[in-house]
Amino acid sequence: MGRIIVEQIVSADGYAAEEDGGIGFFHPGSDFSDTEPDQMRMMSTVGAIVFGATTYRMFADYWPKADAKVERVAGPINALPKFVVSSALPAAPWGDGGAVEILRGDGVEAVRALRARIAGDLILWGSLTLCDALLRAGEVDVLRLRVVPVLIGRGRSFTPGDLGQRRLSLVQARSFAGGIAVLEYATDR
């Protein structure tokens, strides 16, 4: 059975979203191109992508049209099976004719069931509400933080406020041009 990997882009002070839910803190000015080889290495183990509804909408608006020659990660993002946990979405299209499978019901149970049937790791980007539930349930195996060099002072943490203390083991820490750092932790499930 593969791992559940949660990857979040966060400010240096630990926020994954601004107070209004926006993510403008990492654009413009954050150049992720130097992190591409590291991202492609991580994606090589991934068997499927899982989203919450909000992150699905953001990805579906951008990635199906992204040029894989410019952003190599667009290739695996578009090719991998994709799933969205939602009780409200009536459909989940992806580009021209593609579709994302909708997982209904309890998000943690849906991801557990998906994990049992997918070969390879599951990756979750953003999807803060779903990630909160998976962290609370102890279902996250790897936490990857892509830290951008900006302080925003206030916003939405990448973890739920009621999580309590959890021990992590640092697996890898890499810094890149422009000040971006990628920290990868194994969770002590």
N, C-alpha and C. Protein backbone atom coordinates (compact mmCIF):
# COMPACT_ATOMS: atom_id res chain seq x y z
N MET A 1 0.85 -1.18 0.00
CA MET A 1 0.00 0.00 0.00
C MET A 1 0.90 1.24 0.00
N GLY A 2 0.56 2.20 -0.85
CA GLY A 2 1.35 3.42 -0.96
C GLY A 2 1.15 4.36 0.21
N ARG A 3 1.93 5.39 0.20
CA ARG A 3 1.88 6.41 1.24
C ARG A 3 0.88 7.51 0.87
N ILE A 4 0.44 8.21 1.88
CA ILE A 4 -0.32 9.44 1.67
C ILE A 4 0.64 10.59 1.91
N ILE A 5 0.87 11.36 0.85
CA ILE A 5 1.77 12.51 0.90
C ILE A 5 0.93 13.78 0.85
N VAL A 6 1.13 14.64 1.82
CA VAL A 6 0.50 15.96 1.81
C VAL A 6 1.60 16.95 1.49
N GLU A 7 1.39 17.75 0.46
CA GLU A 7 2.35 18.80 0.13
C GLU A 7 1.64 20.14 0.17
N GLN A 8 2.22 21.05 0.92
CA GLN A 8 1.66 22.39 1.05
C GLN A 8 2.71 23.43 0.70
N ILE A 9 2.30 24.47 -0.01
CA ILE A 9 3.14 25.65 -0.19
C ILE A 9 2.77 26.58 0.95
N VAL A 10 3.78 26.97 1.74
CA VAL A 10 3.52 27.78 2.93
C VAL A 10 4.46 28.97 2.97
N SER A 11 4.01 30.01 3.66
CA SER A 11 4.87 31.17 3.93
C SER A 11 5.90 30.76 4.98
N ALA A 12 6.93 31.56 5.13
CA ALA A 12 7.96 31.25 6.12
C ALA A 12 7.41 31.24 7.54
N ASP A 13 6.27 31.90 7.76
CA ASP A 13 5.65 31.86 9.08
C ASP A 13 4.52 30.83 9.17
N GLY A 14 4.48 29.90 8.23
CA GLY A 14 3.63 28.71 8.38
C GLY A 14 2.21 28.80 7.89
N TYR A 15 1.89 29.78 7.06
CA TYR A 15 0.53 29.90 6.56
C TYR A 15 0.41 29.32 5.15
N ALA A 16 -0.68 28.58 4.91
CA ALA A 16 -0.94 28.00 3.60
C ALA A 16 -1.93 28.84 2.80
N ALA A 17 -2.58 29.79 3.44
CA ALA A 17 -3.52 30.68 2.77
C ALA A 17 -3.58 31.99 3.53
N GLU A 18 -3.93 33.04 2.81
CA GLU A 18 -4.12 34.34 3.43
C GLU A 18 -5.43 34.34 4.20
N GLU A 19 -5.69 35.37 4.98
CA GLU A 19 -6.91 35.42 5.78
C GLU A 19 -8.17 35.26 4.95
N ASP A 20 -8.17 35.77 3.73
CA ASP A 20 -9.35 35.67 2.86
C ASP A 20 -9.37 34.36 2.07
N GLY A 21 -8.42 33.46 2.35
CA GLY A 21 -8.35 32.18 1.66
C GLY A 21 -7.49 32.21 0.41
N GLY A 22 -7.02 33.40 0.02
CA GLY A 22 -6.21 33.53 -1.18
C GLY A 22 -4.81 32.95 -1.01
N ILE A 23 -4.16 32.72 -2.14
CA ILE A 23 -2.80 32.19 -2.12
C ILE A 23 -1.84 33.11 -2.87
N GLY A 24 -2.20 34.35 -3.00
CA GLY A 24 -1.37 35.32 -3.70
C GLY A 24 -0.02 35.56 -3.05
N PHE A 25 0.17 35.13 -1.82
CA PHE A 25 1.45 35.35 -1.14
C PHE A 25 2.60 34.66 -1.84
N PHE A 26 2.35 33.63 -2.63
CA PHE A 26 3.48 33.01 -3.32
C PHE A 26 3.54 33.35 -4.80
N HIS A 27 2.71 34.26 -5.26
CA HIS A 27 2.80 34.77 -6.63
C HIS A 27 2.58 36.26 -6.59
N PRO A 28 3.19 37.09 -7.35
CA PRO A 28 4.40 36.81 -8.12
C PRO A 28 5.61 36.83 -7.20
N GLY A 29 6.72 36.53 -7.75
CA GLY A 29 7.97 36.62 -7.00
C GLY A 29 8.50 35.30 -6.52
N SER A 30 7.70 34.24 -6.52
CA SER A 30 8.19 32.93 -6.12
C SER A 30 8.45 32.12 -7.39
N ASP A 31 9.70 31.81 -7.61
CA ASP A 31 10.07 31.05 -8.80
C ASP A 31 10.30 29.60 -8.39
N PHE A 32 9.39 28.73 -8.82
CA PHE A 32 9.46 27.32 -8.46
C PHE A 32 10.23 26.48 -9.48
N SER A 33 10.74 27.12 -10.54
CA SER A 33 11.39 26.35 -11.60
C SER A 33 12.60 25.57 -11.10
N ASP A 34 13.35 26.11 -10.15
CA ASP A 34 14.51 25.38 -9.63
C ASP A 34 14.11 24.15 -8.81
N THR A 35 12.87 24.12 -8.34
CA THR A 35 12.41 22.98 -7.54
C THR A 35 11.87 21.85 -8.41
N GLU A 36 11.80 22.08 -9.72
CA GLU A 36 11.19 21.10 -10.62
C GLU A 36 11.82 19.71 -10.55
N PRO A 37 13.16 19.56 -10.58
CA PRO A 37 13.72 18.19 -10.48
C PRO A 37 13.29 17.48 -9.19
N ASP A 38 13.26 18.21 -8.09
CA ASP A 38 12.83 17.63 -6.82
C ASP A 38 11.36 17.23 -6.89
N GLN A 39 10.55 18.07 -7.51
CA GLN A 39 9.11 17.77 -7.65
C GLN A 39 8.91 16.55 -8.54
N MET A 40 9.66 16.45 -9.62
CA MET A 40 9.53 15.31 -10.53
C MET A 40 9.98 14.02 -9.83
N ARG A 41 11.00 14.08 -9.00
CA ARG A 41 11.44 12.92 -8.24
C ARG A 41 10.32 12.44 -7.32
N MET A 42 9.69 13.36 -6.61
CA MET A 42 8.60 12.99 -5.72
C MET A 42 7.44 12.42 -6.52
N MET A 43 7.11 13.02 -7.66
CA MET A 43 5.98 12.58 -8.47
C MET A 43 6.19 11.18 -9.05
N SER A 44 7.44 10.73 -9.13
CA SER A 44 7.71 9.41 -9.73
C SER A 44 7.13 8.26 -8.91
N THR A 45 6.79 8.50 -7.64
CA THR A 45 6.21 7.45 -6.80
C THR A 45 4.69 7.53 -6.71
N VAL A 46 4.12 8.59 -7.28
CA VAL A 46 2.69 8.87 -7.11
C VAL A 46 1.85 8.05 -8.09
N GLY A 47 0.80 7.43 -7.55
CA GLY A 47 -0.13 6.66 -8.35
C GLY A 47 -1.43 7.39 -8.63
N ALA A 48 -1.74 8.43 -7.83
CA ALA A 48 -2.97 9.19 -8.03
C ALA A 48 -2.90 10.50 -7.24
N ILE A 49 -3.71 11.45 -7.68
CA ILE A 49 -3.82 12.76 -7.04
C ILE A 49 -5.20 12.85 -6.39
N VAL A 50 -5.25 13.38 -5.17
CA VAL A 50 -6.51 13.57 -4.47
C VAL A 50 -6.64 15.04 -4.12
N PHE A 51 -7.83 15.60 -4.36
CA PHE A 51 -8.10 17.00 -4.06
C PHE A 51 -9.34 17.14 -3.18
N GLY A 52 -9.42 18.26 -2.50
CA GLY A 52 -10.68 18.77 -1.99
C GLY A 52 -11.30 19.58 -3.12
N ALA A 53 -12.55 19.99 -2.99
CA ALA A 53 -13.26 20.66 -4.07
C ALA A 53 -12.62 21.98 -4.48
N THR A 54 -12.20 22.80 -3.53
CA THR A 54 -11.62 24.10 -3.87
C THR A 54 -10.32 23.95 -4.63
N THR A 55 -9.44 23.08 -4.16
CA THR A 55 -8.17 22.88 -4.85
C THR A 55 -8.39 22.22 -6.21
N TYR A 56 -9.34 21.29 -6.29
CA TYR A 56 -9.66 20.71 -7.59
C TYR A 56 -10.00 21.81 -8.59
N ARG A 57 -10.87 22.76 -8.20
CA ARG A 57 -11.27 23.83 -9.11
C ARG A 57 -10.06 24.65 -9.57
N MET A 58 -9.16 24.97 -8.65
CA MET A 58 -7.97 25.74 -9.01
C MET A 58 -7.09 24.96 -9.98
N PHE A 59 -6.87 23.69 -9.70
CA PHE A 59 -6.03 22.86 -10.58
C PHE A 59 -6.70 22.66 -11.95
N ALA A 60 -8.01 22.39 -11.97
CA ALA A 60 -8.71 22.15 -13.23
C ALA A 60 -8.74 23.39 -14.11
N ASP A 61 -8.67 24.56 -13.51
CA ASP A 61 -8.63 25.81 -14.28
C ASP A 61 -7.26 26.04 -14.91
N TYR A 62 -6.21 25.48 -14.33
CA TYR A 62 -4.85 25.78 -14.80
C TYR A 62 -4.15 24.62 -15.51
N TRP A 63 -4.05 23.48 -14.85
CA TRP A 63 -3.15 22.42 -15.31
C TRP A 63 -3.52 21.75 -16.63
N PRO A 64 -4.78 21.57 -16.99
CA PRO A 64 -5.05 20.94 -18.28
C PRO A 64 -4.49 21.75 -19.46
N LYS A 65 -4.34 23.06 -19.30
CA LYS A 65 -3.83 23.92 -20.36
C LYS A 65 -2.34 24.22 -20.22
N ALA A 66 -1.72 23.79 -19.14
CA ALA A 66 -0.31 24.11 -18.89
C ALA A 66 0.58 23.40 -19.91
N ASP A 67 1.63 24.07 -20.33
CA ASP A 67 2.57 23.53 -21.32
C ASP A 67 3.60 22.66 -20.59
N ALA A 68 3.57 21.36 -20.85
CA ALA A 68 4.48 20.42 -20.18
C ALA A 68 5.93 20.65 -20.59
N LYS A 69 6.17 21.37 -21.67
CA LYS A 69 7.55 21.71 -22.06
C LYS A 69 8.09 22.81 -21.17
N VAL A 70 7.21 23.65 -20.67
CA VAL A 70 7.60 24.76 -19.78
C VAL A 70 7.55 24.30 -18.32
N GLU A 71 6.50 23.61 -17.95
CA GLU A 71 6.32 23.10 -16.59
C GLU A 71 6.21 21.58 -16.68
N ARG A 72 7.33 20.91 -16.50
CA ARG A 72 7.37 19.45 -16.68
C ARG A 72 6.37 18.71 -15.80
N VAL A 73 6.10 19.25 -14.64
CA VAL A 73 5.18 18.58 -13.71
C VAL A 73 3.76 18.51 -14.28
N ALA A 74 3.45 19.33 -15.29
CA ALA A 74 2.13 19.27 -15.93
C ALA A 74 1.88 17.90 -16.54
N GLY A 75 2.93 17.26 -17.05
CA GLY A 75 2.77 15.93 -17.65
C GLY A 75 2.19 14.93 -16.68
N PRO A 76 2.85 14.68 -15.52
CA PRO A 76 2.27 13.73 -14.58
C PRO A 76 0.94 14.20 -13.98
N ILE A 77 0.80 15.49 -13.75
CA ILE A 77 -0.47 15.98 -13.18
C ILE A 77 -1.62 15.64 -14.12
N ASN A 78 -1.43 15.85 -15.40
CA ASN A 78 -2.50 15.57 -16.35
C ASN A 78 -2.68 14.08 -16.63
N ALA A 79 -1.61 13.30 -16.53
CA ALA A 79 -1.69 11.87 -16.86
C ALA A 79 -2.20 11.00 -15.71
N LEU A 80 -1.90 11.37 -14.48
CA LEU A 80 -2.27 10.53 -13.34
C LEU A 80 -3.79 10.52 -13.10
N PRO A 81 -4.31 9.42 -12.56
CA PRO A 81 -5.71 9.42 -12.13
C PRO A 81 -5.91 10.47 -11.04
N LYS A 82 -7.06 11.15 -11.10
CA LYS A 82 -7.36 12.21 -10.16
C LYS A 82 -8.71 11.96 -9.50
N PHE A 83 -8.78 12.31 -8.21
CA PHE A 83 -9.99 12.11 -7.42
C PHE A 83 -10.26 13.37 -6.62
N VAL A 84 -11.52 13.71 -6.46
CA VAL A 84 -11.90 14.86 -5.64
C VAL A 84 -12.90 14.39 -4.60
N VAL A 85 -12.66 14.75 -3.35
CA VAL A 85 -13.58 14.44 -2.26
C VAL A 85 -14.56 15.60 -2.18
N SER A 86 -15.83 15.32 -2.45
CA SER A 86 -16.84 16.38 -2.43
C SER A 86 -18.23 15.76 -2.29
N SER A 87 -19.05 16.42 -1.51
CA SER A 87 -20.45 16.01 -1.41
C SER A 87 -21.32 16.91 -2.27
N ALA A 88 -20.76 17.99 -2.82
CA ALA A 88 -21.57 18.97 -3.55
C ALA A 88 -21.30 19.04 -5.05
N LEU A 89 -20.11 18.69 -5.51
CA LEU A 89 -19.82 18.80 -6.94
C LEU A 89 -20.69 17.83 -7.74
N PRO A 90 -21.40 18.32 -8.75
CA PRO A 90 -22.19 17.41 -9.59
C PRO A 90 -21.33 16.66 -10.61
N ALA A 91 -20.22 17.29 -11.03
CA ALA A 91 -19.30 16.69 -12.01
C ALA A 91 -17.94 17.33 -11.79
N ALA A 92 -16.91 16.66 -12.29
CA ALA A 92 -15.54 17.16 -12.12
C ALA A 92 -14.76 16.99 -13.42
N PRO A 93 -15.01 17.86 -14.39
CA PRO A 93 -14.30 17.75 -15.67
C PRO A 93 -12.82 18.12 -15.53
N TRP A 94 -12.02 17.60 -16.47
CA TRP A 94 -10.59 17.91 -16.50
C TRP A 94 -10.20 18.11 -17.96
N GLY A 95 -10.02 19.35 -18.34
CA GLY A 95 -9.60 19.64 -19.71
C GLY A 95 -10.64 19.21 -20.72
N ASP A 96 -10.17 18.88 -21.92
CA ASP A 96 -11.05 18.48 -23.02
C ASP A 96 -11.43 17.01 -22.90
N GLY A 97 -12.56 16.76 -22.32
CA GLY A 97 -13.07 15.40 -22.27
C GLY A 97 -12.62 14.56 -21.09
N GLY A 98 -11.66 15.01 -20.33
CA GLY A 98 -11.22 14.25 -19.16
C GLY A 98 -12.15 14.46 -17.99
N ALA A 99 -12.03 13.59 -17.01
CA ALA A 99 -12.87 13.72 -15.82
C ALA A 99 -12.10 13.25 -14.60
N VAL A 100 -12.47 13.80 -13.48
CA VAL A 100 -11.92 13.44 -12.18
C VAL A 100 -13.01 12.67 -11.45
N GLU A 101 -12.65 11.54 -10.86
CA GLU A 101 -13.65 10.76 -10.13
C GLU A 101 -13.98 11.46 -8.81
N ILE A 102 -15.26 11.58 -8.53
CA ILE A 102 -15.72 12.20 -7.30
C ILE A 102 -15.88 11.13 -6.23
N LEU A 103 -15.27 11.36 -5.08
CA LEU A 103 -15.40 10.47 -3.93
C LEU A 103 -16.40 11.12 -2.97
N ARG A 104 -17.47 10.44 -2.69
CA ARG A 104 -18.53 10.97 -1.81
C ARG A 104 -18.36 10.42 -0.40
N GLY A 105 -19.02 11.08 0.52
CA GLY A 105 -19.01 10.59 1.91
C GLY A 105 -17.86 11.15 2.71
N ASP A 106 -17.56 10.47 3.79
CA ASP A 106 -16.49 10.89 4.70
C ASP A 106 -15.15 10.89 3.96
N GLY A 107 -14.46 12.03 4.01
CA GLY A 107 -13.19 12.17 3.29
C GLY A 107 -12.12 11.21 3.74
N VAL A 108 -12.00 11.00 5.04
CA VAL A 108 -10.97 10.09 5.55
C VAL A 108 -11.25 8.67 5.08
N GLU A 109 -12.49 8.22 5.21
CA GLU A 109 -12.84 6.87 4.76
C GLU A 109 -12.65 6.72 3.26
N ALA A 110 -13.01 7.76 2.50
CA ALA A 110 -12.85 7.71 1.04
C ALA A 110 -11.39 7.58 0.65
N VAL A 111 -10.52 8.33 1.33
CA VAL A 111 -9.09 8.27 1.01
C VAL A 111 -8.50 6.94 1.47
N ARG A 112 -8.93 6.42 2.60
CA ARG A 112 -8.47 5.09 3.03
C ARG A 112 -8.83 4.03 1.98
N ALA A 113 -10.06 4.05 1.50
CA ALA A 113 -10.49 3.08 0.50
C ALA A 113 -9.72 3.26 -0.80
N LEU A 114 -9.47 4.49 -1.19
CA LEU A 114 -8.71 4.76 -2.41
C LEU A 114 -7.28 4.26 -2.26
N ARG A 115 -6.71 4.49 -1.12
CA ARG A 115 -5.33 4.05 -0.84
C ARG A 115 -5.20 2.54 -1.03
N ALA A 116 -6.22 1.80 -0.66
CA ALA A 116 -6.19 0.34 -0.76
C ALA A 116 -6.27 -0.14 -2.21
N ARG A 117 -6.80 0.69 -3.11
CA ARG A 117 -6.97 0.23 -4.49
C ARG A 117 -6.02 0.86 -5.50
N ILE A 118 -5.21 1.82 -5.09
CA ILE A 118 -4.28 2.50 -6.00
C ILE A 118 -2.86 1.99 -5.76
N ALA A 119 -2.18 1.66 -6.84
CA ALA A 119 -0.76 1.30 -6.75
C ALA A 119 0.04 2.60 -6.71
N GLY A 120 0.92 2.73 -5.76
CA GLY A 120 1.72 3.95 -5.63
C GLY A 120 1.16 4.86 -4.55
N ASP A 121 1.84 5.97 -4.39
CA ASP A 121 1.47 6.95 -3.37
C ASP A 121 0.29 7.79 -3.82
N LEU A 122 -0.42 8.37 -2.86
CA LEU A 122 -1.44 9.38 -3.11
C LEU A 122 -0.85 10.72 -2.72
N ILE A 123 -1.01 11.73 -3.57
CA ILE A 123 -0.54 13.08 -3.26
C ILE A 123 -1.74 13.99 -3.10
N LEU A 124 -1.70 14.81 -2.07
CA LEU A 124 -2.72 15.83 -1.84
C LEU A 124 -2.02 17.17 -1.80
N TRP A 125 -2.45 18.09 -2.65
CA TRP A 125 -1.96 19.47 -2.60
C TRP A 125 -3.07 20.35 -2.08
N GLY A 126 -2.69 21.37 -1.30
CA GLY A 126 -3.73 22.28 -0.80
C GLY A 126 -4.78 21.50 -0.05
N SER A 127 -6.04 21.66 -0.47
CA SER A 127 -7.14 20.86 0.08
C SER A 127 -7.11 20.86 1.60
N LEU A 128 -7.05 22.06 2.18
CA LEU A 128 -6.78 22.21 3.61
C LEU A 128 -7.80 21.50 4.50
N THR A 129 -9.07 21.54 4.17
CA THR A 129 -10.08 20.87 5.02
C THR A 129 -9.87 19.36 5.00
N LEU A 130 -9.65 18.79 3.82
CA LEU A 130 -9.38 17.36 3.72
C LEU A 130 -8.08 16.99 4.41
N CYS A 131 -7.05 17.80 4.22
CA CYS A 131 -5.76 17.52 4.89
C CYS A 131 -5.90 17.59 6.40
N ASP A 132 -6.69 18.55 6.89
CA ASP A 132 -6.95 18.63 8.33
C ASP A 132 -7.52 17.31 8.84
N ALA A 133 -8.53 16.80 8.14
CA ALA A 133 -9.17 15.55 8.57
C ALA A 133 -8.18 14.39 8.53
N LEU A 134 -7.36 14.33 7.49
CA LEU A 134 -6.38 13.24 7.39
C LEU A 134 -5.30 13.35 8.46
N LEU A 135 -4.87 14.55 8.77
CA LEU A 135 -3.88 14.74 9.85
C LEU A 135 -4.48 14.34 11.19
N ARG A 136 -5.71 14.77 11.46
CA ARG A 136 -6.37 14.40 12.72
C ARG A 136 -6.49 12.89 12.86
N ALA A 137 -6.78 12.21 11.75
CA ALA A 137 -6.98 10.76 11.76
C ALA A 137 -5.67 9.98 11.73
N GLY A 138 -4.54 10.69 11.63
CA GLY A 138 -3.25 10.01 11.60
C GLY A 138 -2.99 9.27 10.29
N GLU A 139 -3.58 9.72 9.20
CA GLU A 139 -3.46 9.04 7.91
C GLU A 139 -2.35 9.58 7.01
N VAL A 140 -1.69 10.64 7.41
CA VAL A 140 -0.64 11.24 6.57
C VAL A 140 0.69 10.58 6.89
N ASP A 141 1.36 10.08 5.85
CA ASP A 141 2.66 9.44 6.01
C ASP A 141 3.81 10.40 5.80
N VAL A 142 3.66 11.31 4.84
CA VAL A 142 4.72 12.25 4.49
C VAL A 142 4.12 13.64 4.41
N LEU A 143 4.79 14.59 5.05
CA LEU A 143 4.41 15.99 4.98
C LEU A 143 5.53 16.74 4.29
N ARG A 144 5.24 17.31 3.13
CA ARG A 144 6.22 18.10 2.36
C ARG A 144 5.79 19.56 2.40
N LEU A 145 6.69 20.39 2.88
CA LEU A 145 6.41 21.83 2.94
C LEU A 145 7.32 22.53 1.95
N ARG A 146 6.72 23.25 1.01
CA ARG A 146 7.47 24.09 0.09
C ARG A 146 7.35 25.51 0.63
N VAL A 147 8.40 25.95 1.29
CA VAL A 147 8.40 27.21 2.03
C VAL A 147 8.88 28.34 1.13
N VAL A 148 8.02 29.35 0.96
CA VAL A 148 8.41 30.51 0.17
C VAL A 148 8.90 31.60 1.11
N PRO A 149 9.87 32.40 0.67
CA PRO A 149 10.51 33.38 1.55
C PRO A 149 9.69 34.66 1.70
N VAL A 150 8.57 34.53 2.38
CA VAL A 150 7.72 35.68 2.65
C VAL A 150 7.02 35.46 3.99
N LEU A 151 6.83 36.54 4.71
CA LEU A 151 6.04 36.51 5.95
C LEU A 151 4.73 37.21 5.65
N ILE A 152 3.61 36.59 6.03
CA ILE A 152 2.32 37.24 5.79
C ILE A 152 1.62 37.64 7.09
N GLY A 153 2.13 37.18 8.22
CA GLY A 153 1.63 37.64 9.51
C GLY A 153 0.34 37.00 10.00
N ARG A 154 -0.58 36.75 9.11
CA ARG A 154 -1.87 36.16 9.48
C ARG A 154 -2.37 35.32 8.32
N GLY A 155 -3.22 34.38 8.64
CA GLY A 155 -3.79 33.55 7.59
C GLY A 155 -4.23 32.21 8.13
N ARG A 156 -4.28 31.25 7.24
CA ARG A 156 -4.73 29.89 7.55
C ARG A 156 -3.51 28.99 7.66
N SER A 157 -3.31 28.41 8.82
CA SER A 157 -2.21 27.47 9.02
C SER A 157 -2.43 26.25 8.13
N PHE A 158 -1.36 25.54 7.84
CA PHE A 158 -1.49 24.32 7.04
C PHE A 158 -1.91 23.13 7.89
N THR A 159 -2.09 23.33 9.18
CA THR A 159 -2.59 22.27 10.06
C THR A 159 -3.80 22.79 10.84
N PRO A 160 -4.67 21.90 11.30
CA PRO A 160 -5.80 22.35 12.10
C PRO A 160 -5.34 22.79 13.48
N GLY A 161 -6.02 23.78 14.04
CA GLY A 161 -5.65 24.31 15.34
C GLY A 161 -5.80 23.33 16.48
N ASP A 162 -6.62 22.30 16.31
CA ASP A 162 -6.87 21.33 17.37
C ASP A 162 -6.07 20.04 17.20
N LEU A 163 -5.03 20.06 16.37
CA LEU A 163 -4.30 18.83 16.06
C LEU A 163 -3.56 18.27 17.28
N GLY A 164 -3.03 19.13 18.09
CA GLY A 164 -2.21 18.65 19.19
C GLY A 164 -0.80 18.36 18.70
N GLN A 165 0.05 17.98 19.61
CA GLN A 165 1.45 17.74 19.26
C GLN A 165 1.62 16.43 18.49
N ARG A 166 2.38 16.48 17.41
CA ARG A 166 2.73 15.29 16.62
C ARG A 166 4.22 15.35 16.33
N ARG A 167 4.88 14.23 16.49
CA ARG A 167 6.31 14.15 16.20
C ARG A 167 6.51 13.87 14.72
N LEU A 168 7.50 14.53 14.15
CA LEU A 168 7.88 14.34 12.76
C LEU A 168 9.36 14.01 12.70
N SER A 169 9.76 13.28 11.66
CA SER A 169 11.17 12.98 11.44
C SER A 169 11.57 13.62 10.12
N LEU A 170 12.58 14.47 10.17
CA LEU A 170 13.04 15.14 8.96
C LEU A 170 13.70 14.12 8.04
N VAL A 171 13.19 14.01 6.81
CA VAL A 171 13.72 13.10 5.82
C VAL A 171 14.68 13.83 4.89
N GLN A 172 14.30 15.06 4.52
CA GLN A 172 15.10 15.82 3.58
C GLN A 172 14.82 17.30 3.75
N ALA A 173 15.85 18.12 3.60
CA ALA A 173 15.70 19.57 3.57
C ALA A 173 16.58 20.09 2.44
N ARG A 174 15.96 20.81 1.53
CA ARG A 174 16.70 21.34 0.39
C ARG A 174 16.34 22.80 0.22
N SER A 175 17.34 23.60 -0.13
CA SER A 175 17.08 25.01 -0.44
C SER A 175 17.37 25.24 -1.91
N PHE A 176 16.68 26.21 -2.48
CA PHE A 176 16.77 26.49 -3.91
C PHE A 176 16.99 27.98 -4.13
N ALA A 177 17.45 28.30 -5.34
CA ALA A 177 17.65 29.69 -5.71
C ALA A 177 16.35 30.46 -5.49
N GLY A 178 16.47 31.68 -5.09
CA GLY A 178 15.28 32.48 -4.83
C GLY A 178 14.74 32.32 -3.43
N GLY A 179 15.35 31.43 -2.63
CA GLY A 179 14.98 31.32 -1.23
C GLY A 179 13.94 30.27 -0.89
N ILE A 180 13.43 29.53 -1.86
CA ILE A 180 12.45 28.49 -1.57
C ILE A 180 13.17 27.31 -0.91
N ALA A 181 12.54 26.74 0.10
CA ALA A 181 13.06 25.55 0.77
C ALA A 181 11.99 24.46 0.72
N VAL A 182 12.42 23.24 0.55
CA VAL A 182 11.50 22.11 0.60
C VAL A 182 11.91 21.24 1.78
N LEU A 183 10.98 21.08 2.71
CA LEU A 183 11.20 20.28 3.91
C LEU A 183 10.29 19.07 3.81
N GLU A 184 10.86 17.89 3.91
CA GLU A 184 10.08 16.67 3.84
C GLU A 184 10.20 15.92 5.16
N TYR A 185 9.05 15.61 5.74
CA TYR A 185 8.99 14.94 7.02
C TYR A 185 8.22 13.63 6.90
N ALA A 186 8.66 12.63 7.62
CA ALA A 186 7.87 11.42 7.83
C ALA A 186 7.10 11.63 9.11
N THR A 187 5.84 11.22 9.12
CA THR A 187 5.05 11.36 10.34
C THR A 187 5.22 10.10 11.18
N ASP A 188 5.09 10.27 12.45
CA ASP A 188 5.12 9.12 13.37
C ASP A 188 3.68 8.73 13.62
N ARG A 189 3.14 7.93 12.68
CA ARG A 189 1.72 7.56 12.72
C ARG A 189 1.41 6.65 13.86
